[in-house]
Protein backbone atom coordinates (compact mmCIF):
# COMPACT_ATOMS: atom_id res chain seq x y z
CA MET A 1 11.41 94.74 35.80
CA LYS A 2 10.08 90.92 35.48
CA TRP A 3 10.59 89.06 32.11
CA LYS A 4 8.10 86.18 31.00
CA ASN A 5 9.71 82.71 30.13
CA PRO A 6 8.12 81.90 26.43
CA GLY A 7 8.74 78.23 27.39
CA VAL A 8 11.79 77.67 24.80
CA SER A 9 13.63 75.45 27.49
CA LEU A 10 10.50 73.43 27.97
CA LEU A 11 10.23 72.92 24.67
CA ILE A 12 13.78 71.90 24.10
CA SER A 13 13.53 69.77 27.03
CA LEU A 14 10.62 67.70 25.34
CA GLY A 15 12.16 67.76 21.95
CA ILE A 16 15.42 65.99 23.56
CA SER A 17 12.78 63.46 25.46
CA PHE A 18 10.67 62.59 22.62
CA LEU A 19 14.11 61.90 20.62
CA VAL A 20 15.62 59.91 23.25
CA LEU A 21 12.17 57.99 23.34
CA GLY A 22 12.22 57.61 19.50
CA VAL A 23 15.84 56.39 19.62
CA ALA A 24 15.01 53.65 22.57
CA LEU A 25 12.13 52.72 20.77
CA ALA A 26 13.85 52.27 17.60
CA VAL A 27 16.54 50.54 19.63
CA ILE A 28 13.73 48.00 21.04
CA SER A 29 12.52 47.37 17.67
CA SER A 30 15.56 46.30 16.24
CA VAL A 31 16.65 44.20 19.06
CA ASP A 32 13.18 42.66 18.91
CA SER A 33 13.35 42.10 15.07
CA ALA A 34 16.82 40.68 15.65
CA VAL A 35 15.92 38.27 18.28
CA GLN A 36 12.83 37.38 16.07
CA ARG A 37 14.92 36.84 13.14
CA SER A 38 17.22 34.67 15.19
CA SER A 39 14.39 32.61 17.05
CA ASP A 40 13.13 31.93 13.27
CA LEU A 41 16.24 31.06 11.89
CA GLY A 42 16.49 28.49 14.75
CA ARG A 43 13.13 27.57 13.92
CA SER A 44 13.85 27.49 10.08
CA THR A 45 16.89 25.15 10.81
CA GLN A 46 14.84 22.89 13.17
CA VAL A 47 12.29 22.41 10.49
CA PHE A 48 14.89 21.49 7.46
CA PHE A 49 16.79 19.30 9.66
CA ALA A 50 13.41 17.60 11.13
CA ALA A 51 11.85 16.95 7.53
CA GLU A 52 15.65 15.48 6.77
CA ALA A 53 15.23 13.43 9.87
CA GLY A 54 12.15 11.76 8.09
CA LEU A 55 13.33 11.20 4.78
CA GLU A 56 16.17 9.44 6.47
CA SER A 57 13.54 7.51 8.59
CA ALA A 58 11.90 6.25 5.46
CA PHE A 59 15.27 5.26 3.92
CA PHE A 60 16.09 3.28 6.88
CA HIS A 61 12.91 1.30 6.88
CA HIS A 62 13.45 1.02 3.08
CA ASN A 63 16.79 -0.50 3.27
CA ALA A 64 15.95 -2.44 6.33
CA ARG A 65 13.28 -4.59 4.44
CA GLY A 66 13.07 -5.94 0.72
CA GLN A 67 12.05 -4.03 -2.67
CA GLY A 68 8.40 -3.00 -2.78
CA VAL A 69 7.95 -2.30 1.02
CA HIS A 70 5.18 0.28 1.23
CA PHE A 71 4.31 2.62 4.32
CA GLU A 72 2.01 5.12 2.70
CA ASP A 73 -1.35 6.53 3.96
CA ALA A 74 -2.22 9.96 3.88
CA SER A 75 -4.70 9.73 6.37
CA ALA A 76 -2.28 8.21 9.06
CA PRO A 77 1.32 8.78 8.03
CA GLN A 78 4.22 7.14 10.17
CA LYS A 79 5.37 9.43 12.50
CA ILE A 80 8.69 10.18 14.48
CA ALA A 81 9.20 12.86 17.29
CA LEU A 82 11.99 14.76 17.99
CA LEU A 83 12.14 15.49 21.83
CA ALA A 84 15.29 18.01 21.72
CA SER A 85 12.83 20.25 19.45
CA SER A 86 9.73 19.37 20.31
CA VAL A 87 8.71 18.46 16.83
CA GLU A 88 6.82 15.56 15.30
CA VAL A 89 7.59 14.65 11.77
CA ASP A 90 5.11 12.60 9.40
CA TRP A 91 7.28 10.45 6.95
CA THR A 92 5.63 8.22 3.99
CA LEU A 93 7.51 5.17 1.93
CA GLU A 94 5.67 4.31 -1.19
CA GLY A 95 6.96 1.49 -3.49
CA ARG A 96 3.87 -0.34 -5.10
CA ILE A 97 2.09 -0.05 -8.22
CA ASP A 98 -0.71 -1.80 -9.35
CA GLU A 99 0.53 -1.96 -13.15
CA VAL A 100 4.22 -1.29 -14.25
CA GLU A 101 4.05 0.74 -17.80
CA GLY A 102 7.24 1.78 -19.36
CA LEU A 103 9.04 1.85 -22.81
CA LEU A 104 11.87 -0.80 -23.49
CA LYS A 105 14.90 1.14 -25.18
CA GLU A 106 17.27 -0.44 -27.89
CA GLY A 107 19.64 -2.65 -26.05
CA GLN A 108 18.26 -2.15 -22.60
CA LYS A 109 17.70 -4.85 -20.22
CA ILE A 110 14.64 -4.60 -17.37
CA ARG A 111 14.31 -6.61 -14.43
CA ILE A 112 11.34 -6.38 -12.43
CA PRO A 113 10.84 -8.50 -8.94
CA LEU A 114 7.66 -10.34 -8.27
CA PHE A 115 7.84 -10.37 -4.67
CA TRP A 116 7.85 -7.69 -1.46
CA ASP A 117 7.84 -7.42 1.89
CA ASP A 118 3.97 -6.91 2.75
CA SER A 119 4.36 -5.47 6.29
CA ALA A 120 1.86 -2.52 7.07
CA ASP A 121 4.03 -1.70 10.56
CA PRO A 122 7.60 -0.75 10.10
CA THR A 123 8.30 -1.74 13.86
CA LYS A 124 7.85 -5.42 12.87
CA GLU A 125 10.50 -7.44 12.25
CA PRO A 126 11.57 -8.18 8.31
CA PRO A 127 11.39 -11.78 7.39
CA PHE A 128 15.00 -12.82 7.30
CA ASP A 129 16.33 -15.90 7.23
CA GLU A 130 19.55 -17.19 9.58
CA ASP A 131 21.89 -16.07 7.20
CA GLY A 132 20.56 -12.37 7.05
CA GLU A 133 18.84 -12.76 3.68
CA PHE A 134 15.72 -11.32 2.99
CA VAL A 135 12.87 -14.02 2.61
CA ALA A 136 9.72 -13.74 0.42
CA GLY A 137 8.42 -17.14 -0.20
CA HIS A 138 5.43 -18.78 -1.11
CA ASP A 139 4.64 -19.38 2.41
CA GLN A 140 5.36 -16.15 3.95
CA ALA A 141 4.55 -12.78 4.11
CA GLY A 142 6.13 -11.01 1.24
CA ILE A 143 5.45 -12.98 -2.22
CA LEU A 144 3.67 -10.90 -4.99
CA THR A 145 2.03 -13.56 -7.19
CA ASP A 146 2.35 -16.63 -8.49
CA ASP A 147 0.87 -15.34 -12.06
CA PHE A 148 1.94 -12.61 -14.31
CA ILE A 149 1.10 -11.12 -17.98
CA LEU A 150 3.71 -9.26 -19.41
CA GLU A 151 2.32 -7.21 -22.71
CA PHE A 152 4.62 -5.78 -25.65
CA SER A 153 2.72 -3.18 -27.57
CA ASN A 154 3.33 -2.67 -31.37
CA ALA A 155 1.25 0.97 -31.35
CA GLY A 156 2.92 3.40 -33.38
CA ILE A 157 5.82 0.97 -35.06
CA PRO A 158 5.00 0.82 -39.04
CA GLY A 159 4.05 -2.81 -40.03
CA ASP A 160 7.07 -2.83 -42.77
CA PHE A 161 9.65 -1.73 -39.93
CA ASP A 162 12.23 -4.62 -40.25
CA PHE A 163 14.44 -3.74 -36.98
CA GLY A 164 17.70 -3.72 -39.12
CA THR A 165 17.24 -7.30 -40.38
CA GLU A 166 15.87 -8.96 -43.57
CA GLU A 167 14.92 -12.12 -41.66
CA PRO A 168 11.51 -12.20 -40.62
CA ASP A 169 11.55 -14.80 -37.99
CA ALA A 170 14.39 -13.25 -36.00
CA VAL A 171 14.39 -12.90 -32.53
CA LEU A 172 13.27 -9.31 -31.47
CA LEU A 173 12.67 -9.77 -27.50
CA ASP A 174 14.37 -12.07 -25.09
CA TRP A 175 12.98 -12.95 -21.63
CA ALA A 176 13.57 -14.99 -18.50
CA VAL A 177 12.42 -15.69 -15.14
CA SER A 178 15.17 -16.56 -12.23
CA ARG A 179 14.19 -17.50 -8.90
CA GLN A 180 16.00 -18.87 -5.60
CA HIS A 181 15.28 -22.58 -4.98
CA ALA A 182 15.43 -23.68 -1.68
CA THR A 183 18.16 -26.62 -2.73
CA ASN A 184 19.42 -25.86 -5.97
CA GLY A 185 20.26 -22.04 -5.84
CA LEU A 186 19.52 -19.51 -8.35
CA GLN A 187 17.94 -20.58 -11.41
CA THR A 188 16.49 -19.03 -14.48
CA PHE A 189 13.63 -20.10 -16.73
CA ILE A 190 14.49 -19.23 -20.60
CA PRO A 191 12.19 -19.64 -23.46
CA GLN A 192 12.40 -22.40 -25.81
CA ARG A 193 14.92 -21.25 -28.50
CA GLY A 194 14.38 -22.55 -31.47
CA THR A 195 17.13 -22.72 -33.95
CA SER A 196 20.39 -20.51 -33.23
CA ASN A 197 18.61 -16.82 -33.10
CA ILE A 198 15.97 -17.49 -35.43
CA CYS A 199 12.24 -18.37 -34.11
CA ALA A 200 11.34 -21.71 -35.23
CA SER A 201 7.77 -22.74 -35.04
CA ASP A 202 7.81 -24.31 -31.43
CA THR A 203 9.82 -21.36 -29.91
CA THR A 204 8.68 -19.21 -27.35
CA PHE A 205 10.29 -16.23 -27.88
CA ILE A 206 8.80 -12.98 -29.39
CA CYS A 207 9.80 -12.60 -33.10
CA ARG A 208 9.86 -10.05 -35.16
CA GLU A 209 7.48 -10.74 -37.78
CA ALA A 210 4.51 -11.88 -34.85
CA PHE A 211 5.34 -9.15 -33.08
CA LEU A 212 4.45 -6.62 -35.95
CA ILE A 213 1.30 -8.60 -36.74
CA THR A 214 -0.26 -8.90 -33.15
CA GLY A 215 2.34 -7.50 -30.47
CA GLY A 216 3.84 -9.82 -27.87
CA GLU A 217 2.59 -11.25 -24.59
CA ILE A 218 3.65 -13.81 -21.70
CA ASP A 219 1.41 -15.34 -19.55
CA SER A 220 2.81 -17.07 -16.72
CA SER A 221 -0.16 -19.34 -16.23
CA SER A 222 0.24 -20.78 -20.11
CA LEU A 223 2.04 -23.95 -20.92
CA ILE A 224 5.06 -21.83 -22.12
CA ASP A 225 8.04 -24.37 -23.23
CA GLY A 226 11.36 -23.67 -22.08
CA GLU A 227 14.23 -24.75 -19.91
CA ILE A 228 15.97 -24.08 -16.51
CA LEU A 229 19.48 -22.85 -16.37
CA PRO A 230 21.90 -24.14 -15.20
CA GLY A 231 21.48 -27.89 -16.52
CA GLY A 232 19.01 -27.06 -19.22
CA ASP A 233 16.04 -29.41 -17.76
CA PRO A 234 13.08 -28.91 -19.82
CA ASP A 235 10.20 -27.53 -18.07
CA THR A 236 7.14 -25.19 -18.62
CA LEU A 237 6.54 -21.40 -17.14
CA ASN A 238 3.68 -22.29 -15.21
CA HIS A 239 5.38 -25.13 -13.58
CA PHE A 240 8.48 -23.38 -12.90
CA MET A 241 6.26 -20.30 -11.29
CA GLY A 242 4.36 -22.84 -9.20
CA ASP A 243 7.43 -24.26 -7.59
CA LEU A 244 6.39 -24.30 -3.71
CA GLU A 245 10.58 -24.62 -2.77
CA SER A 246 11.28 -21.69 -4.75
CA GLN A 247 11.19 -17.83 -4.18
CA GLN A 248 12.29 -14.35 -4.98
CA PHE A 249 11.21 -14.74 -8.40
CA ILE A 250 12.28 -12.22 -11.12
CA LEU A 251 11.27 -10.93 -14.51
CA SER A 252 13.66 -9.78 -17.09
CA PHE A 253 13.67 -9.07 -20.76
CA GLN A 254 15.50 -7.05 -23.20
CA SER A 255 15.54 -6.20 -26.87
CA LEU A 256 17.92 -8.08 -29.22
CA LEU A 257 17.40 -6.32 -32.39
CA PRO A 258 18.12 -2.79 -33.30
CA PHE A 259 15.56 0.01 -32.88
CA THR A 260 16.49 1.54 -36.54
CA ASP A 261 15.29 -0.52 -39.79
CA THR A 262 17.65 -0.77 -42.97
CA ASP A 263 15.69 2.30 -44.46
CA GLY A 264 17.25 4.37 -41.42
CA ASP A 265 14.01 4.95 -39.66
CA LYS A 266 14.12 4.89 -36.27
CA ILE A 267 11.69 4.24 -33.13
CA GLU A 268 12.20 5.18 -29.48
CA GLY A 269 11.24 1.97 -28.12
CA ILE A 270 8.60 -0.70 -27.46
CA SER A 271 6.10 -0.01 -24.86
CA PHE A 272 5.46 -2.77 -22.20
CA SER A 273 3.11 -3.31 -19.37
CA LEU A 274 3.10 -5.84 -16.34
CA ILE A 275 0.22 -7.04 -14.20
CA GLY A 276 -0.22 -9.53 -11.43
CA ASP A 277 -2.86 -11.59 -12.85
CA ASP A 278 -4.76 -12.34 -9.49
CA ILE A 279 -8.04 -11.43 -8.37
CA PRO A 280 -8.00 -8.98 -6.86
CA ARG A 281 -4.87 -7.65 -8.96
CA PRO A 282 -1.98 -7.71 -6.62
CA PRO A 283 0.54 -4.64 -6.70
CA LEU A 284 3.94 -4.65 -8.09
CA PRO A 285 6.93 -2.95 -6.82
CA LYS A 286 8.08 0.26 -8.30
CA SER A 287 10.96 0.74 -10.32
CA ALA A 288 11.71 3.86 -8.51
CA TYR A 289 10.09 4.33 -4.72
CA THR A 290 9.01 7.53 -3.33
CA VAL A 291 9.80 8.81 -0.07
CA SER A 292 8.08 12.01 1.60
CA SER A 293 8.73 13.62 4.93
CA GLU A 294 6.28 16.78 6.24
CA VAL A 295 6.97 18.84 9.46
CA SER A 296 5.52 22.03 10.91
CA LEU A 297 6.85 24.57 13.96
CA GLY A 298 5.18 27.38 14.69
CA ASN A 299 4.60 29.31 11.30
CA PHE A 300 7.38 27.07 9.26
CA SER A 301 6.42 24.21 7.53
CA LYS A 302 8.61 21.95 5.12
CA VAL A 303 7.50 19.28 2.98
CA ILE A 304 10.56 17.13 0.97
CA THR A 305 9.70 14.47 -1.57
CA ALA A 306 12.41 12.16 -3.07
CA GLU A 307 12.34 9.56 -5.57
CA VAL A 308 15.10 6.76 -5.73
CA LEU A 309 15.66 4.07 -8.12
CA GLU A 310 15.35 0.27 -6.70
CA LYS A 311 18.16 -2.09 -7.06
CA THR A 312 17.86 -5.36 -8.05
CA THR A 313 17.62 -7.86 -5.03
CA ILE A 314 19.06 -10.82 -6.77
CA GLY A 315 21.05 -11.85 -9.57
CA ALA A 316 20.20 -14.00 -12.60
CA PHE A 317 22.00 -16.28 -14.71
CA ASP A 318 22.21 -14.24 -17.85
CA TYR A 319 22.81 -16.30 -21.67
CA ILE A 320 23.53 -15.15 -24.91
CA ILE A 321 22.06 -16.31 -28.22
CA PHE A 322 25.09 -17.11 -30.61
CA ASP A 323 24.65 -17.18 -34.72
């Protein structure tokens, strides 16, 4: 007697074959995913460290040059190539601004340099002297301006605010300009003091009552009387700024009175602005420079931006007004 095979063995064989094939495809897919994840992790790591390398390049060029150095061009950024990973990194360094604006707070002293390295090419040698000091003189690249205008605003401050003193002619804001003279070294121009810490008629300090009425302004092109420290020789600000044997000018200013009046009212600070008084208006070094780095590799990209406070590049001869 003959029996017909219903094909059960064949079905079982096909099922087992498809199961093995599915397992194989799943293993292949898993291995491929693992390889892809490993490759992506490698690219991600390369992109991260490449972006960090761009920042380090910007920091290097900033630290090798003077305050206010500026390599910022969105259409043609600086580039570095990392040959080992075949990655190209774009980086920028932004250190200048057309106008410095800020808020002077109680007891704060602000120093702003009036010079910078004007190189547009990071491969250009910085201007250093034989002692390795950065040079930015009138006859060399890097001088910002011979003239500036510093304005203090009384906007938002009540007219009867007394800054904690009943003396209307008390000195409110003190200021000075320092420079590096070719033969005499570090010098500082201070305004004419008047008598003690009281504003006399011929003083060139910024005094409390006058500030509340009109605000305050220091124009370096004006005949502002003062003296040069050390030594105390009389001079005017425009003559002090125009000395061709000097370089590295720095403007500094500070508040001398409390920002709380005798009734207990307080103000946050005094608004100020500083511009270079030339045509066209020259830029000023920023108080905090910005560096940026951008890199792309495959489907990965990264942009890192950092803002770093500038350091004052020259010290100044500070002085105190005694009662």
